[in-house]
């Protein structure tokens, strides 16, 4: 198993998780202030960032499954 690749994926996933948290905090603030348009844009970005996280997790799972099949 390529541990360097797994480590890089893990680092990227942490970065994305941090970005997701920032977006949620911004969305909460925008909703609180009543800025619906800005909230919509932030929700779209949050959806996109979440898709990125899902793709990384799916890639990690594929790597794990490949390793298991070789055992």
PDB file of N, CA and C in Angstrom:
ATOM      1  N   UNK A   1       0.863  -1.178   0.000  1.00  0.00           N
ATOM      2  CA  UNK A   1       0.000   0.000   0.000  1.00  0.00           C
ATOM      3  C   UNK A   1       0.905   1.235   0.000  1.00  0.00           C
ATOM      4  N   UNK A   2       0.526   2.213  -0.760  1.00  0.00           N
ATOM      5  CA  UNK A   2       1.289   3.451  -0.850  1.00  0.00           C
ATOM      6  C   UNK A   2       0.868   4.382   0.285  1.00  0.00           C
ATOM      7  N   UNK A   3       1.640   4.336   1.366  1.00  0.00           N
ATOM      8  CA  UNK A   3       1.289   5.121   2.543  1.00  0.00           C
ATOM      9  C   UNK A   3       1.434   6.622   2.308  1.00  0.00           C
ATOM     10  N   UNK A   4       2.367   7.002   1.439  1.00  0.00           N
ATOM     11  CA  UNK A   4       2.528   8.422   1.126  1.00  0.00           C
ATOM     12  C   UNK A   4       1.270   8.965   0.447  1.00  0.00           C
ATOM     13  N   UNK A   5       0.710   8.170  -0.451  1.00  0.00           N
ATOM     14  CA  UNK A   5      -0.521   8.578  -1.123  1.00  0.00           C
ATOM     15  C   UNK A   5      -1.665   8.687  -0.111  1.00  0.00           C
ATOM     16  N   UNK A   6      -1.755   7.712   0.792  1.00  0.00           N
ATOM     17  CA  UNK A   6      -2.801   7.766   1.815  1.00  0.00           C
ATOM     18  C   UNK A   6      -2.625   8.980   2.722  1.00  0.00           C
ATOM     19  N   UNK A   7      -1.377   9.281   3.052  1.00  0.00           N
ATOM     20  CA  UNK A   7      -1.103  10.441   3.895  1.00  0.00           C
ATOM     21  C   UNK A   7      -1.503  11.728   3.187  1.00  0.00           C
ATOM     22  N   UNK A   8      -1.199  11.827   1.900  1.00  0.00           N
ATOM     23  CA  UNK A   8      -1.570  13.010   1.124  1.00  0.00           C
ATOM     24  C   UNK A   8      -3.090  13.154   1.038  1.00  0.00           C
ATOM     25  N   UNK A   9      -3.773  12.040   0.817  1.00  0.00           N
ATOM     26  CA  UNK A   9      -5.243  12.081   0.776  1.00  0.00           C
ATOM     27  C   UNK A   9      -5.805  12.509   2.124  1.00  0.00           C
ATOM     28  N   UNK A  10      -5.217  12.001   3.202  1.00  0.00           N
ATOM     29  CA  UNK A  10      -5.659  12.381   4.542  1.00  0.00           C
ATOM     30  C   UNK A  10      -5.449  13.865   4.807  1.00  0.00           C
ATOM     31  N   UNK A  11      -4.303  14.391   4.383  1.00  0.00           N
ATOM     32  CA  UNK A  11      -4.040  15.822   4.543  1.00  0.00           C
ATOM     33  C   UNK A  11      -5.046  16.655   3.766  1.00  0.00           C
ATOM     34  N   UNK A  12      -5.322  16.244   2.539  1.00  0.00           N
ATOM     35  CA  UNK A  12      -6.289  16.967   1.713  1.00  0.00           C
ATOM     36  C   UNK A  12      -7.681  16.909   2.339  1.00  0.00           C
ATOM     37  N   UNK A  13      -8.025  15.756   2.885  1.00  0.00           N
ATOM     38  CA  UNK A  13      -9.330  15.612   3.523  1.00  0.00           C
ATOM     39  C   UNK A  13      -9.440  16.520   4.756  1.00  0.00           C
ATOM     40  N   UNK A  14      -8.358  16.646   5.512  1.00  0.00           N
ATOM     41  CA  UNK A  14      -8.354  17.555   6.664  1.00  0.00           C
ATOM     42  C   UNK A  14      -8.544  19.001   6.213  1.00  0.00           C
ATOM     43  N   UNK A  15      -7.853  19.393   5.144  1.00  0.00           N
ATOM     44  CA  UNK A  15      -8.000  20.754   4.605  1.00  0.00           C
ATOM     45  C   UNK A  15      -9.440  21.021   4.193  1.00  0.00           C
ATOM     46  N   UNK A  16     -10.013  20.057   3.518  1.00  0.00           N
ATOM     47  CA  UNK A  16     -11.402  20.212   3.065  1.00  0.00           C
ATOM     48  C   UNK A  16     -12.334  20.276   4.266  1.00  0.00           C
ATOM     49  N   UNK A  17     -12.088  19.451   5.271  1.00  0.00           N
ATOM     50  CA  UNK A  17     -12.912  19.487   6.479  1.00  0.00           C
ATOM     51  C   UNK A  17     -12.854  20.846   7.155  1.00  0.00           C
ATOM     52  N   UNK A  18     -11.664  21.425   7.191  1.00  0.00           N
ATOM     53  CA  UNK A  18     -11.512  22.759   7.779  1.00  0.00           C
ATOM     54  C   UNK A  18     -12.291  23.787   6.958  1.00  0.00           C
ATOM     55  N   UNK A  19     -12.208  23.690   5.629  1.00  0.00           N
ATOM     56  CA  UNK A  19     -12.933  24.622   4.760  1.00  0.00           C
ATOM     57  C   UNK A  19     -14.445  24.466   4.945  1.00  0.00           C
ATOM     58  N   UNK A  20     -14.893  23.227   5.089  1.00  0.00           N
ATOM     59  CA  UNK A  20     -16.325  22.988   5.306  1.00  0.00           C
ATOM     60  C   UNK A  20     -16.785  23.666   6.591  1.00  0.00           C
ATOM     61  N   UNK A  21     -15.970  23.547   7.637  1.00  0.00           N
ATOM     62  CA  UNK A  21     -16.329  24.179   8.916  1.00  0.00           C
ATOM     63  C   UNK A  21     -16.408  25.697   8.758  1.00  0.00           C
ATOM     64  N   UNK A  22     -15.444  26.295   8.055  1.00  0.00           N
ATOM     65  CA  UNK A  22     -15.476  27.734   7.813  1.00  0.00           C
ATOM     66  C   UNK A  22     -16.741  28.146   7.074  1.00  0.00           C
ATOM     67  N   UNK A  23     -17.110  27.375   6.072  1.00  0.00           N
ATOM     68  CA  UNK A  23     -18.309  27.690   5.308  1.00  0.00           C
ATOM     69  C   UNK A  23     -19.562  27.603   6.157  1.00  0.00           C
ATOM     70  N   UNK A  24     -19.650  26.582   6.996  1.00  0.00           N
ATOM     71  CA  UNK A  24     -20.820  26.446   7.872  1.00  0.00           C
ATOM     72  C   UNK A  24     -20.922  27.657   8.799  1.00  0.00           C
ATOM     73  N   UNK A  25     -19.786  28.092   9.339  1.00  0.00           N
ATOM     74  CA  UNK A  25     -19.804  29.264  10.212  1.00  0.00           C
ATOM     75  C   UNK A  25     -20.244  30.515   9.454  1.00  0.00           C
ATOM     76  N   UNK A  26     -19.759  30.669   8.206  1.00  0.00           N
ATOM     77  CA  UNK A  26     -20.166  31.812   7.389  1.00  0.00           C
ATOM     78  C   UNK A  26     -21.648  31.753   7.061  1.00  0.00           C
ATOM     79  N   UNK A  27     -22.122  30.563   6.730  1.00  0.00           N
ATOM     80  CA  UNK A  27     -23.546  30.404   6.405  1.00  0.00           C
ATOM     81  C   UNK A  27     -24.392  30.792   7.602  1.00  0.00           C
ATOM     82  N   UNK A  28     -24.014  30.315   8.773  1.00  0.00           N
ATOM     83  CA  UNK A  28     -24.758  30.643   9.991  1.00  0.00           C
ATOM     84  C   UNK A  28     -24.823  32.159  10.172  1.00  0.00           C
ATOM     85  N   UNK A  29     -23.684  32.825   9.961  1.00  0.00           N
ATOM     86  CA  UNK A  29     -23.642  34.280  10.131  1.00  0.00           C
ATOM     87  C   UNK A  29     -24.510  34.979   9.087  1.00  0.00           C
ATOM     88  N   UNK A  30     -24.438  34.535   7.842  1.00  0.00           N
ATOM     89  CA  UNK A  30     -25.220  35.167   6.778  1.00  0.00           C
ATOM     90  C   UNK A  30     -26.723  34.975   7.006  1.00  0.00           C
ATOM     91  N   UNK A  31     -27.102  33.786   7.433  1.00  0.00           N
ATOM     92  CA  UNK A  31     -28.521  33.523   7.708  1.00  0.00           C
ATOM     93  C   UNK A  31     -28.986  34.415   8.853  1.00  0.00           C
ATOM     94  N   UNK A  32     -28.151  34.521   9.856  1.00  0.00           N
ATOM     95  CA  UNK A  32     -28.471  35.353  11.023  1.00  0.00           C
ATOM     96  C   UNK A  32     -28.666  36.813  10.613  1.00  0.00           C
ATOM     97  N   UNK A  33     -27.860  37.259   9.642  1.00  0.00           N
ATOM     98  CA  UNK A  33     -27.956  38.640   9.161  1.00  0.00           C
ATOM     99  C   UNK A  33     -29.041  38.813   8.102  1.00  0.00           C
ATOM    100  N   UNK A  34     -29.585  37.708   7.607  1.00  0.00           N
ATOM    101  CA  UNK A  34     -30.672  37.783   6.639  1.00  0.00           C
ATOM    102  C   UNK A  34     -30.218  37.952   5.199  1.00  0.00           C
ATOM    103  N   UNK A  35     -28.962  37.678   4.907  1.00  0.00           N
ATOM    104  CA  UNK A  35     -28.448  37.819   3.536  1.00  0.00           C
ATOM    105  C   UNK A  35     -28.664  36.505   2.786  1.00  0.00           C
ATOM    106  N   UNK A  36     -29.833  36.383   2.177  1.00  0.00           N
ATOM    107  CA  UNK A  36     -30.218  35.136   1.512  1.00  0.00           C
ATOM    108  C   UNK A  36     -29.343  34.818   0.303  1.00  0.00           C
ATOM    109  N   UNK A  37     -29.010  35.814  -0.513  1.00  0.00           N
ATOM    110  CA  UNK A  37     -28.215  35.571  -1.714  1.00  0.00           C
ATOM    111  C   UNK A  37     -26.825  35.056  -1.355  1.00  0.00           C
ATOM    112  N   UNK A  38     -26.200  35.689  -0.404  1.00  0.00           N
ATOM    113  CA  UNK A  38     -24.870  35.252   0.025  1.00  0.00           C
ATOM    114  C   UNK A  38     -24.941  33.849   0.623  1.00  0.00           C
ATOM    115  N   UNK A  39     -26.003  33.573   1.359  1.00  0.00           N
ATOM    116  CA  UNK A  39     -26.179  32.244   1.950  1.00  0.00           C
ATOM    117  C   UNK A  39     -26.281  31.183   0.864  1.00  0.00           C
ATOM    118  N   UNK A  40     -27.021  31.472  -0.193  1.00  0.00           N
ATOM    119  CA  UNK A  40     -27.167  30.518  -1.301  1.00  0.00           C
ATOM    120  C   UNK A  40     -25.823  30.206  -1.933  1.00  0.00           C
ATOM    121  N   UNK A  41     -25.029  31.239  -2.154  1.00  0.00           N
ATOM    122  CA  UNK A  41     -23.710  31.037  -2.753  1.00  0.00           C
ATOM    123  C   UNK A  41     -22.829  30.186  -1.842  1.00  0.00           C
ATOM    124  N   UNK A  42     -22.888  30.455  -0.550  1.00  0.00           N
ATOM    125  CA  UNK A  42     -22.098  29.684   0.403  1.00  0.00           C
ATOM    126  C   UNK A  42     -22.569  28.233   0.465  1.00  0.00           C
ATOM    127  N   UNK A  43     -23.882  28.022   0.393  1.00  0.00           N
ATOM    128  CA  UNK A  43     -24.409  26.648   0.371  1.00  0.00           C
ATOM    129  C   UNK A  43     -23.920  25.904  -0.876  1.00  0.00           C
ATOM    130  N   UNK A  44     -23.880  26.596  -2.013  1.00  0.00           N
ATOM    131  CA  UNK A  44     -23.365  25.972  -3.241  1.00  0.00           C
ATOM    132  C   UNK A  44     -21.896  25.580  -3.081  1.00  0.00           C
ATOM    133  N   UNK A  45     -21.128  26.485  -2.490  1.00  0.00           N
ATOM    134  CA  UNK A  45     -19.709  26.186  -2.273  1.00  0.00           C
ATOM    135  C   UNK A  45     -19.558  25.026  -1.283  1.00  0.00           C
ATOM    136  N   UNK A  46     -20.360  25.012  -0.236  1.00  0.00           N
ATOM    137  CA  UNK A  46     -20.318  23.924   0.737  1.00  0.00           C
ATOM    138  C   UNK A  46     -20.650  22.595   0.071  1.00  0.00           C
ATOM    139  N   UNK A  47     -21.603  22.596  -0.824  1.00  0.00           N
ATOM    140  CA  UNK A  47     -21.963  21.382  -1.554  1.00  0.00           C
ATOM    141  C   UNK A  47     -20.794  20.901  -2.410  1.00  0.00           C
ATOM    142  N   UNK A  48     -20.141  21.834  -3.083  1.00  0.00           N
ATOM    143  CA  UNK A  48     -19.001  21.491  -3.925  1.00  0.00           C
ATOM    144  C   UNK A  48     -17.839  20.937  -3.091  1.00  0.00           C
ATOM    145  N   UNK A  49     -17.548  21.578  -1.986  1.00  0.00           N
ATOM    146  CA  UNK A  49     -16.466  21.129  -1.103  1.00  0.00           C
ATOM    147  C   UNK A  49     -16.812  19.757  -0.517  1.00  0.00           C
ATOM    148  N   UNK A  50     -18.072  19.541  -0.196  1.00  0.00           N
ATOM    149  CA  UNK A  50     -18.505  18.238   0.320  1.00  0.00           C
ATOM    150  C   UNK A  50     -18.325  17.149  -0.740  1.00  0.00           C
ATOM    151  N   UNK A  51     -18.611  17.484  -1.998  1.00  0.00           N
ATOM    152  CA  UNK A  51     -18.377  16.530  -3.089  1.00  0.00           C
ATOM    153  C   UNK A  51     -16.902  16.152  -3.172  1.00  0.00           C
ATOM    154  N   UNK A  52     -16.026  17.135  -2.988  1.00  0.00           N
ATOM    155  CA  UNK A  52     -14.592  16.862  -3.005  1.00  0.00           C
ATOM    156  C   UNK A  52     -14.209  15.890  -1.884  1.00  0.00           C
ATOM    157  N   UNK A  53     -14.769  16.121  -0.698  1.00  0.00           N
ATOM    158  CA  UNK A  53     -14.482  15.233   0.437  1.00  0.00           C
ATOM    159  C   UNK A  53     -14.971  13.819   0.154  1.00  0.00           C
ATOM    160  N   UNK A  54     -16.139  13.704  -0.410  1.00  0.00           N
ATOM    161  CA  UNK A  54     -16.696  12.387  -0.739  1.00  0.00           C
ATOM    162  C   UNK A  54     -15.811  11.673  -1.751  1.00  0.00           C
ATOM    163  N   UNK A  55     -15.331  12.404  -2.748  1.00  0.00           N
ATOM    164  CA  UNK A  55     -14.455  11.806  -3.761  1.00  0.00           C
ATOM    165  C   UNK A  55     -13.163  11.286  -3.140  1.00  0.00           C
ATOM    166  N   UNK A  56     -12.596  12.045  -2.219  1.00  0.00           N
ATOM    167  CA  UNK A  56     -11.371  11.598  -1.553  1.00  0.00           C
ATOM    168  C   UNK A  56     -11.633  10.352  -0.726  1.00  0.00           C
ATOM    169  N   UNK A  57     -12.729  10.337   0.013  1.00  0.00           N
ATOM    170  CA  UNK A  57     -13.060   9.173   0.830  1.00  0.00           C
ATOM    171  C   UNK A  57     -13.292   7.949  -0.056  1.00  0.00           C
ATOM    172  N   UNK A  58     -13.980   8.140  -1.183  1.00  0.00           N
ATOM    173  CA  UNK A  58     -14.197   7.020  -2.100  1.00  0.00           C
ATOM    174  C   UNK A  58     -12.866   6.503  -2.658  1.00  0.00           C
ATOM    175  N   UNK A  59     -11.942   7.413  -2.948  1.00  0.00           N
ATOM    176  CA  UNK A  59     -10.627   7.026  -3.449  1.00  0.00           C
ATOM    177  C   UNK A  59      -9.869   6.235  -2.372  1.00  0.00           C
ATOM    178  N   UNK A  60      -9.925   6.722  -1.136  1.00  0.00           N
ATOM    179  CA  UNK A  60      -9.288   6.001  -0.031  1.00  0.00           C
ATOM    180  C   UNK A  60      -9.882   4.605   0.112  1.00  0.00           C
ATOM    181  N   UNK A  61     -11.191   4.508   0.037  1.00  0.00           N
ATOM    182  CA  UNK A  61     -11.858   3.214   0.185  1.00  0.00           C
ATOM    183  C   UNK A  61     -11.427   2.262  -0.925  1.00  0.00           C
ATOM    184  N   UNK A  62     -11.308   2.771  -2.128  1.00  0.00           N
ATOM    185  CA  UNK A  62     -10.846   1.953  -3.247  1.00  0.00           C
ATOM    186  C   UNK A  62      -9.443   1.406  -2.969  1.00  0.00           C
ATOM    187  N   UNK A  63      -8.568   2.259  -2.462  1.00  0.00           N
ATOM    188  CA  UNK A  63      -7.218   1.816  -2.122  1.00  0.00           C
ATOM    189  C   UNK A  63      -7.250   0.731  -1.044  1.00  0.00           C
ATOM    190  N   UNK A  64      -8.094   0.920  -0.034  1.00  0.00           N
ATOM    191  CA  UNK A  64      -8.208  -0.078   1.042  1.00  0.00           C
ATOM    192  C   UNK A  64      -8.744  -1.397   0.501  1.00  0.00           C
ATOM    193  N   UNK A  65      -9.762  -1.301  -0.346  1.00  0.00           N
ATOM    194  CA  UNK A  65     -10.362  -2.512  -0.924  1.00  0.00           C
ATOM    195  C   UNK A  65      -9.354  -3.256  -1.802  1.00  0.00           C
ATOM    196  N   UNK A  66      -8.557  -2.522  -2.548  1.00  0.00           N
ATOM    197  CA  UNK A  66      -7.521  -3.151  -3.370  1.00  0.00           C
ATOM    198  C   UNK A  66      -6.501  -3.861  -2.491  1.00  0.00           C
ATOM    199  N   UNK A  67      -6.109  -3.226  -1.411  1.00  0.00           N
ATOM    200  CA  UNK A  67      -5.155  -3.843  -0.488  1.00  0.00           C
ATOM    201  C   UNK A  67      -5.745  -5.109   0.122  1.00  0.00           C
ATOM    202  N   UNK A  68      -6.998  -5.074   0.502  1.00  0.00           N
ATOM    203  CA  UNK A  68      -7.653  -6.251   1.075  1.00  0.00           C
ATOM    204  C   UNK A  68      -7.724  -7.394   0.076  1.00  0.00           C
ATOM    205  N   UNK A  69      -7.983  -7.071  -1.176  1.00  0.00           N
ATOM    206  CA  UNK A  69      -8.097  -8.134  -2.195  1.00  0.00           C
ATOM    207  C   UNK A  69      -6.753  -8.792  -2.471  1.00  0.00           C
ATOM    208  N   UNK A  70      -5.661  -8.123  -2.135  1.00  0.00           N
ATOM    209  CA  UNK A  70      -4.340  -8.684  -2.351  1.00  0.00           C
ATOM    210  C   UNK A  70      -3.830  -9.484  -1.151  1.00  0.00           C
ATOM    211  N   UNK A  71      -4.566  -9.481  -0.087  1.00  0.00           N
ATOM    212  CA  UNK A  71      -4.144 -10.191   1.128  1.00  0.00           C
ATOM    213  C   UNK A  71      -4.533 -11.660   1.044  1.00  0.00           C
TER     214      UNK A  71
END
